[in-house]
């Protein structure tokens, strides 16, 4: 009997393992193209934390007693959503502070909105408005910036009714804006701020308001993505396992994936329309949304002010069909764009040279005033409560002690 190569059985088993892994991967990626699964991945609204939150007792989660009003707002499509209105520290002290023995009255809420700036905050996916790092951020905004905070839980989150969709959460955002204005806030005293998923919602709200001739004080986006489509293409689980990137070697798969993206939040198509002071903030060590997304958004703001590319560079680069003449022309335009970029953008660093906090770029021209702060450290969720980040918010929006 002939000897059996012991490696043959091992190789066959190894091939089967990789085959099964491939099948599971393709099946999982395919599920994400179905509306139901895609919605749950984008919003993660079933991943609620804290569980069974007592939203009518915000002091249980770190806010001072009687500093916060628990609200129910009704959207244009008759969905009730939960919200917290947190008084600014000066407004809270003016009504008695920690010695207060009853919730703020509607008159006191209205006065706080008239007397102090307000941050309208849109949080990221998963959890709810009572999770600790978000609550810490509200408290810091109140104290450090002297601003009120209105934060909502989108439909399907927290104690809000309904199921989240892109159109639905945009209606939630409009309802929160309307509540502020109806209760006495001046639109130019409202800073619209979003984190992660909330950056797409915040940007959409500001563009909608601008079409109505209304401009908030500023737009702040922390850890933004350029679009859900681009996020799916770049996203890695835990920063290690790429989601759709391996499929990009297959011709036309990117177009196929784009066809089945049902929730888009295409901020990159809107950011260039913003005409209020804008701050983009991202951290280099963000493993959830790569900081390249903020870079692309900042480039989209700058692009109309730079020399135009001579042809559609994306398609040509993808097919690697550049001729020598096209390469030369591309090189010339790239050089002229870089030169113009250096003229338009000012750069400064914040923090000690051996432990930098952030590299900050600012572009100001005509009605556009955009700042991009790239932090050395900050991760994805913690960054939103950083004192230095809120300092930049205050600087760009012209509020607080700067």
Protein backbone atom coordinates (compact mmCIF):
# COMPACT_ATOMS: atom_id res chain seq x y z
CA UNK A 1 0.00 0.00 0.00
CA UNK A 2 1.33 3.42 -0.96
CA UNK A 3 2.13 5.86 1.82
CA UNK A 4 -0.46 8.63 2.29
CA UNK A 5 0.95 12.14 2.40
CA UNK A 6 0.04 13.38 5.91
CA UNK A 7 -0.03 16.98 4.61
CA UNK A 8 -2.77 16.14 2.14
CA UNK A 9 -5.43 15.63 4.81
CA UNK A 10 -4.30 18.74 6.67
CA UNK A 11 -4.45 20.89 3.54
CA UNK A 12 -7.92 19.59 2.70
CA UNK A 13 -9.17 20.40 6.19
CA UNK A 14 -7.57 23.85 6.03
CA UNK A 15 -9.22 24.53 2.67
CA UNK A 16 -12.60 23.56 4.09
CA UNK A 17 -12.09 25.88 7.07
CA UNK A 18 -11.32 28.82 4.78
CA UNK A 19 -14.26 27.86 2.55
CA UNK A 20 -16.64 27.91 5.52
CA UNK A 21 -15.21 31.22 6.73
CA UNK A 22 -15.74 32.64 3.25
CA UNK A 23 -19.33 31.42 3.12
CA UNK A 24 -20.10 32.91 6.55
CA UNK A 25 -18.42 36.20 5.56
CA UNK A 26 -20.33 36.54 2.28
CA UNK A 27 -23.61 35.58 3.98
CA UNK A 28 -23.05 38.13 6.75
CA UNK A 29 -22.10 40.88 4.31
CA UNK A 30 -25.15 40.05 2.17
CA UNK A 31 -27.47 40.34 5.18
CA UNK A 32 -26.26 43.90 5.71
CA UNK A 33 -27.69 44.81 2.31
CA UNK A 34 -31.22 43.89 3.45
CA UNK A 35 -33.18 46.88 4.84
CA UNK A 36 -34.05 45.22 8.17
CA UNK A 37 -30.51 44.17 9.07
CA UNK A 38 -28.99 47.34 7.64
CA UNK A 39 -31.23 49.51 9.83
CA UNK A 40 -30.21 47.61 12.95
CA UNK A 41 -26.51 47.87 12.11
CA UNK A 42 -26.68 51.60 11.33
CA UNK A 43 -28.84 52.66 14.29
CA UNK A 44 -28.25 49.80 16.79
CA UNK A 45 -31.34 51.10 18.58
CA UNK A 46 -32.03 47.79 20.31
CA UNK A 47 -28.68 47.98 22.11
CA UNK A 48 -30.06 50.16 24.90
CA UNK A 49 -27.92 51.27 27.83
CA UNK A 50 -28.53 51.90 30.61
CA UNK A 51 -31.29 49.30 30.72
CA UNK A 52 -34.64 50.41 32.13
CA UNK A 53 -33.38 53.97 32.45
CA UNK A 54 -35.45 56.28 34.65
CA UNK A 55 -35.48 59.29 32.37
CA UNK A 56 -37.61 61.31 34.77
CA UNK A 57 -34.73 61.15 37.29
CA UNK A 58 -31.71 62.48 35.35
CA UNK A 59 -29.88 63.10 38.64
CA UNK A 60 -29.51 59.31 38.91
CA UNK A 61 -27.09 59.52 35.99
CA UNK A 62 -24.90 62.40 37.13
CA UNK A 63 -26.77 65.65 36.50
CA UNK A 64 -27.57 67.96 39.40
CA UNK A 65 -31.07 67.71 40.94
CA UNK A 66 -33.68 69.90 39.24
CA UNK A 67 -31.19 71.07 36.61
CA UNK A 68 -32.77 68.98 33.86
CA UNK A 69 -36.30 68.84 32.48
CA UNK A 70 -37.48 65.49 31.09
CA UNK A 71 -39.52 66.17 27.95
CA UNK A 72 -41.74 64.50 25.39
CA UNK A 73 -41.65 66.12 21.96
CA UNK A 74 -44.10 65.36 19.15
CA UNK A 75 -42.77 65.19 15.60
CA UNK A 76 -44.50 66.28 12.40
CA UNK A 77 -45.57 62.66 11.78
CA UNK A 78 -46.99 62.34 15.32
CA UNK A 79 -44.23 60.28 16.93
CA UNK A 80 -43.46 61.06 20.57
CA UNK A 81 -39.75 61.20 21.37
CA UNK A 82 -37.97 61.58 24.70
CA UNK A 83 -35.59 64.45 25.43
CA UNK A 84 -33.69 66.18 28.20
CA UNK A 85 -33.29 69.92 28.51
CA UNK A 86 -30.29 70.72 30.72
CA UNK A 87 -29.97 74.26 32.07
CA UNK A 88 -26.70 76.10 31.63
CA UNK A 89 -24.74 76.45 34.86
CA UNK A 90 -25.44 80.22 35.09
CA UNK A 91 -29.17 79.64 34.54
CA UNK A 92 -29.20 76.84 37.11
CA UNK A 93 -27.47 78.99 39.73
CA UNK A 94 -29.88 81.83 39.01
CA UNK A 95 -32.84 79.67 40.09
CA UNK A 96 -31.19 78.39 43.26
CA UNK A 97 -28.75 75.76 42.08
CA UNK A 98 -28.30 72.74 44.33
CA UNK A 99 -30.67 74.30 46.89
CA UNK A 100 -33.50 74.11 44.37
CA UNK A 101 -36.47 72.03 45.59
CA UNK A 102 -38.65 71.82 42.46
CA UNK A 103 -38.21 71.42 38.68
CA UNK A 104 -37.65 74.55 36.57
CA UNK A 105 -40.89 76.21 35.51
CA UNK A 106 -41.73 76.87 31.86
CA UNK A 107 -40.99 80.56 32.47
CA UNK A 108 -37.55 79.73 33.88
CA UNK A 109 -36.83 77.44 30.92
CA UNK A 110 -37.84 80.19 28.51
CA UNK A 111 -35.63 82.73 30.30
CA UNK A 112 -32.65 80.37 30.17
CA UNK A 113 -33.12 79.98 26.41
CA UNK A 114 -33.31 83.73 25.91
CA UNK A 115 -30.35 84.56 28.16
CA UNK A 116 -27.87 81.82 27.25
CA UNK A 117 -26.67 79.92 24.17
CA UNK A 118 -27.93 76.38 23.65
CA UNK A 119 -26.26 73.27 22.24
CA UNK A 120 -28.70 71.04 20.37
CA UNK A 121 -27.00 67.66 20.59
CA UNK A 122 -27.56 64.58 18.42
CA UNK A 123 -25.92 61.47 19.85
CA UNK A 124 -24.48 58.45 18.06
CA UNK A 125 -26.01 55.02 17.54
CA UNK A 126 -26.78 52.54 20.33
CA UNK A 127 -27.51 53.31 24.00
CA UNK A 128 -29.61 56.36 24.92
CA UNK A 129 -29.34 59.86 26.35
CA UNK A 130 -28.63 58.54 29.88
CA UNK A 131 -25.38 56.69 29.13
CA UNK A 132 -22.56 58.02 31.28
CA UNK A 133 -20.16 59.55 28.75
CA UNK A 134 -22.99 61.48 27.11
CA UNK A 135 -24.27 62.76 30.45
CA UNK A 136 -20.74 63.88 31.33
CA UNK A 137 -20.67 65.82 28.09
CA UNK A 138 -23.95 67.63 28.89
CA UNK A 139 -22.61 68.65 32.28
CA UNK A 140 -19.36 69.91 30.77
CA UNK A 141 -21.18 71.97 28.14
CA UNK A 142 -23.36 73.49 30.86
CA UNK A 143 -20.40 74.40 33.09
CA UNK A 144 -17.55 75.06 30.66
CA UNK A 145 -19.50 76.79 27.89
CA UNK A 146 -22.29 78.28 29.99
CA UNK A 147 -24.76 76.81 27.52
CA UNK A 148 -28.04 74.95 27.82
CA UNK A 149 -28.25 71.49 26.24
CA UNK A 150 -31.18 69.83 24.49
CA UNK A 151 -30.58 66.16 23.70
CA UNK A 152 -33.14 63.86 22.13
CA UNK A 153 -33.47 60.12 21.82
CA UNK A 154 -34.41 59.39 18.22
CA UNK A 155 -37.48 57.29 17.51
CA UNK A 156 -36.81 53.73 18.63
CA UNK A 157 -34.20 54.84 21.20
CA UNK A 158 -34.67 55.21 24.95
CA UNK A 159 -38.27 56.06 25.81
CA UNK A 160 -39.12 57.27 22.30
CA UNK A 161 -41.79 55.67 20.15
CA UNK A 162 -41.38 54.22 16.68
CA UNK A 163 -38.60 52.72 14.61
CA UNK A 164 -35.65 54.74 13.28
CA UNK A 165 -35.26 55.53 9.60
CA UNK A 166 -33.21 58.24 7.93
CA UNK A 167 -36.33 60.26 7.12
CA UNK A 168 -37.76 59.68 10.59
CA UNK A 169 -34.76 60.84 12.60
CA UNK A 170 -34.55 63.94 10.43
CA UNK A 171 -38.12 64.72 11.52
CA UNK A 172 -37.02 64.14 15.12
CA UNK A 173 -34.27 66.71 14.64
CA UNK A 174 -36.70 69.26 13.23
CA UNK A 175 -39.03 68.71 16.19
CA UNK A 176 -36.19 69.41 18.63
CA UNK A 177 -35.26 72.61 16.80
CA UNK A 178 -38.89 73.72 16.77
CA UNK A 179 -39.19 73.13 20.53
CA UNK A 180 -36.20 75.37 21.21
CA UNK A 181 -37.45 78.21 19.03
CA UNK A 182 -41.05 77.90 20.26
CA UNK A 183 -39.80 78.19 23.84
CA UNK A 184 -37.80 81.35 23.32
CA UNK A 185 -34.43 80.49 21.79
CA UNK A 186 -32.97 82.77 19.14
CA UNK A 187 -31.82 80.58 16.19
CA UNK A 188 -28.49 82.41 16.17
CA UNK A 189 -27.91 81.31 19.77
CA UNK A 190 -28.23 77.59 18.92
CA UNK A 191 -25.17 75.46 18.21
CA UNK A 192 -26.11 72.28 16.34
CA UNK A 193 -23.77 69.48 17.40
CA UNK A 194 -23.62 65.83 16.41
CA UNK A 195 -21.47 62.85 17.35
CA UNK A 196 -20.93 59.81 15.11
CA UNK A 197 -24.37 58.89 13.67
CA UNK A 198 -25.62 62.25 14.93
CA UNK A 199 -23.25 64.13 12.61
CA UNK A 200 -25.31 63.09 9.59
CA UNK A 201 -28.49 64.20 11.34
CA UNK A 202 -26.98 67.51 12.48
CA UNK A 203 -25.65 68.38 9.02
CA UNK A 204 -28.97 67.54 7.37
CA UNK A 205 -30.82 69.74 9.86
CA UNK A 206 -28.59 72.75 9.22
CA UNK A 207 -28.94 72.44 5.43
CA UNK A 208 -32.72 72.18 5.80
CA UNK A 209 -32.82 75.27 7.99
CA UNK A 210 -30.67 77.22 5.53
CA UNK A 211 -33.16 76.53 2.73
CA UNK A 212 -35.74 78.27 4.94
CA UNK A 213 -33.45 81.26 5.49
CA UNK A 214 -32.60 80.23 9.06
CA UNK A 215 -29.02 79.94 10.28
CA UNK A 216 -27.93 78.50 13.65
CA UNK A 217 -24.88 79.83 15.44
CA UNK A 218 -22.57 77.00 14.35
CA UNK A 219 -22.37 73.36 13.27
CA UNK A 220 -20.12 70.93 15.16
CA UNK A 221 -19.52 67.36 13.98
CA UNK A 222 -17.44 65.03 16.16
CA UNK A 223 -16.17 61.75 14.67
CA UNK A 224 -18.24 62.17 11.50
CA UNK A 225 -18.53 59.85 8.50
CA UNK A 226 -18.71 61.08 4.92
CA UNK A 227 -21.62 58.74 4.06
CA UNK A 228 -22.96 55.37 5.18
CA UNK A 229 -21.84 53.93 1.85
CA UNK A 230 -18.26 55.10 2.42
CA UNK A 231 -18.41 53.96 6.05
CA UNK A 232 -19.42 50.44 5.03
CA UNK A 233 -16.51 50.40 2.58
CA UNK A 234 -13.97 51.44 5.23
CA UNK A 235 -15.47 49.94 8.38
CA UNK A 236 -13.58 47.29 10.33
CA UNK A 237 -15.01 45.38 13.29
CA UNK A 238 -12.94 46.34 16.29
CA UNK A 239 -10.65 48.20 13.92
CA UNK A 240 -9.27 44.83 12.77
CA UNK A 241 -11.75 42.86 10.65
CA UNK A 242 -12.72 44.67 7.41
CA UNK A 243 -16.39 44.45 6.52
CA UNK A 244 -16.77 45.09 2.78
CA UNK A 245 -13.17 45.85 1.86
CA UNK A 246 -12.30 42.30 0.72
CA UNK A 247 -15.23 42.38 -1.72
CA UNK A 248 -13.83 45.45 -3.46
CA UNK A 249 -11.46 43.28 -5.48
CA UNK A 250 -14.53 41.95 -7.33
CA UNK A 251 -15.41 44.16 -10.35
CA UNK A 252 -18.52 46.32 -9.93
CA UNK A 253 -19.20 45.09 -6.38
CA UNK A 254 -18.94 48.66 -5.07
CA UNK A 255 -21.75 49.74 -7.40
CA UNK A 256 -23.81 46.72 -6.35
CA UNK A 257 -23.34 47.56 -2.68
CA UNK A 258 -24.23 51.22 -3.31
CA UNK A 259 -27.47 50.14 -4.99
CA UNK A 260 -28.62 48.39 -1.83
CA UNK A 261 -27.66 51.06 0.70
CA UNK A 262 -31.05 52.16 2.04
CA UNK A 263 -29.81 54.52 4.77
CA UNK A 264 -27.37 56.98 3.27
CA UNK A 265 -26.73 60.05 5.46
CA UNK A 266 -24.54 61.43 2.67
CA UNK A 267 -22.94 64.26 4.62
CA UNK A 268 -20.28 64.74 1.96
CA UNK A 269 -22.98 65.90 -0.47
CA UNK A 270 -24.26 68.48 2.03
CA UNK A 271 -21.22 69.80 3.91
CA UNK A 272 -20.23 72.18 1.10
CA UNK A 273 -23.61 73.93 1.41
CA UNK A 274 -23.08 74.94 5.05
CA UNK A 275 -22.81 78.69 5.55
CA UNK A 276 -22.35 78.86 9.32
CA UNK A 277 -19.10 78.39 11.27
CA UNK A 278 -18.31 74.67 11.12
CA UNK A 279 -16.05 72.53 13.30
CA UNK A 280 -14.99 69.00 12.41
CA UNK A 281 -13.30 66.98 15.17
CA UNK A 282 -11.76 63.53 14.90
CA UNK A 283 -9.12 61.41 16.64
CA UNK A 284 -6.35 59.48 14.93
CA UNK A 285 -7.01 56.46 17.16
CA UNK A 286 -10.71 56.23 16.26
CA UNK A 287 -11.17 52.56 15.29
CA UNK A 288 -14.91 52.90 14.64
CA UNK A 289 -14.90 55.65 12.01
CA UNK A 290 -11.48 56.30 10.43
CA UNK A 291 -10.38 59.93 10.65
CA UNK A 292 -10.01 59.95 6.86
CA UNK A 293 -13.77 60.59 6.75
CA UNK A 294 -13.29 64.00 8.39
CA UNK A 295 -10.44 64.67 5.98
CA UNK A 296 -12.70 63.97 3.02
CA UNK A 297 -15.40 66.23 4.44
CA UNK A 298 -12.92 69.08 4.92
CA UNK A 299 -11.69 68.54 1.35
CA UNK A 300 -15.30 68.72 0.12
CA UNK A 301 -15.64 72.13 1.77
CA UNK A 302 -12.41 73.32 0.15
CA UNK A 303 -12.90 71.77 -3.29
CA UNK A 304 -14.91 74.61 -4.93
CA UNK A 305 -12.05 77.00 -4.10
CA UNK A 306 -9.32 74.83 -5.66
CA UNK A 307 -8.31 74.34 -9.32
CA UNK A 308 -10.57 71.73 -10.90
CA UNK A 309 -9.29 68.30 -11.86
CA UNK A 310 -8.97 67.95 -15.65
CA UNK A 311 -10.99 64.71 -15.72
CA UNK A 312 -12.77 62.26 -13.47
CA UNK A 313 -9.74 61.05 -11.58
CA UNK A 314 -11.58 58.41 -9.58
CA UNK A 315 -12.68 56.29 -12.52
CA UNK A 316 -9.37 56.60 -14.32
CA UNK A 317 -7.35 55.72 -11.24
CA UNK A 318 -9.57 52.70 -10.62
CA UNK A 319 -8.92 51.31 -14.07
CA UNK A 320 -5.22 52.24 -13.93
CA UNK A 321 -5.63 53.61 -17.45
CA UNK A 322 -3.63 56.82 -17.06
CA UNK A 323 -1.65 57.80 -20.11
CA UNK A 324 1.69 59.60 -19.81
CA UNK A 325 0.00 62.86 -20.81
CA UNK A 326 -2.76 62.39 -18.26
CA UNK A 327 -0.22 61.63 -15.55
CA UNK A 328 1.66 64.81 -16.36
CA UNK A 329 -1.52 66.88 -16.39
CA UNK A 330 -2.68 65.29 -13.15
CA UNK A 331 0.64 66.08 -11.51
CA UNK A 332 0.44 69.74 -12.54
CA UNK A 333 -3.10 70.16 -11.25
CA UNK A 334 -2.25 68.36 -7.99
CA UNK A 335 0.66 70.74 -7.46
CA UNK A 336 -1.47 73.80 -8.16
CA UNK A 337 -4.20 72.52 -5.83
CA UNK A 338 -1.66 71.97 -3.06
CA UNK A 339 -0.23 75.45 -3.54
CA UNK A 340 -3.69 77.00 -3.42
CA UNK A 341 -4.53 74.88 -0.38
CA UNK A 342 -1.51 76.22 1.47
CA UNK A 343 -2.65 79.75 0.68
CA UNK A 344 -6.21 79.21 1.92
CA UNK A 345 -5.69 77.04 5.00
CA UNK A 346 -4.00 78.14 8.21
CA UNK A 347 -2.57 75.47 10.50
CA UNK A 348 -1.71 75.49 14.19
CA UNK A 349 -0.91 72.89 16.80
CA UNK A 350 -2.38 72.72 20.30
CA UNK A 351 -0.56 71.11 23.20
CA UNK A 352 3.07 70.32 24.06
CA UNK A 353 5.34 69.34 21.18
CA UNK A 354 6.14 65.95 22.72
CA UNK A 355 2.49 65.08 23.44
CA UNK A 356 0.37 66.96 20.92
CA UNK A 357 -3.33 67.47 21.63
CA UNK A 358 -4.49 68.44 18.15
CA UNK A 359 -3.50 69.72 14.75
CA UNK A 360 -6.02 72.38 13.75
CA UNK A 361 -6.67 73.60 10.21
CA UNK A 362 -8.91 76.53 9.38
CA UNK A 363 -10.33 77.68 6.07
CA UNK A 364 -12.17 80.97 5.74
CA UNK A 365 -13.43 82.45 2.50
CA UNK A 366 -16.54 84.41 1.62
CA UNK A 367 -19.40 82.82 3.62
CA UNK A 368 -17.47 79.68 4.57
CA UNK A 369 -15.62 79.29 7.88
CA UNK A 370 -14.53 75.70 8.52
CA UNK A 371 -12.15 74.29 11.14
CA UNK A 372 -10.80 70.73 11.25
CA UNK A 373 -9.23 69.56 14.51
CA UNK A 374 -7.40 66.23 14.32
CA UNK A 375 -6.59 64.90 17.79
CA UNK A 376 -3.69 62.55 18.48
CA UNK A 377 -5.80 60.62 21.00
CA UNK A 378 -9.51 60.55 21.73
CA UNK A 379 -10.93 57.25 20.51
CA UNK A 380 -14.52 57.33 19.24
CA UNK A 381 -16.88 57.83 22.17
CA UNK A 382 -14.70 59.53 24.83
CA UNK A 383 -13.69 62.37 22.47
CA UNK A 384 -17.08 64.05 22.67
CA UNK A 385 -16.63 64.90 26.36
CA UNK A 386 -13.00 66.12 26.16
CA UNK A 387 -12.48 69.51 27.77
CA UNK A 388 -10.17 70.53 24.94
CA UNK A 389 -12.79 69.61 22.34
CA UNK A 390 -15.42 71.69 24.11
CA UNK A 391 -12.89 74.52 24.23
CA UNK A 392 -12.68 74.35 20.43
CA UNK A 393 -16.48 74.30 20.23
CA UNK A 394 -16.60 77.46 22.32
CA UNK A 395 -13.93 79.10 20.19
CA UNK A 396 -15.62 78.35 16.86
CA UNK A 397 -19.12 79.18 18.11
CA UNK A 398 -18.03 82.20 20.15
CA UNK A 399 -19.51 80.99 23.43
CA UNK A 400 -18.14 80.17 26.88
CA UNK A 401 -14.81 81.19 28.37
CA UNK A 402 -12.15 81.07 25.63
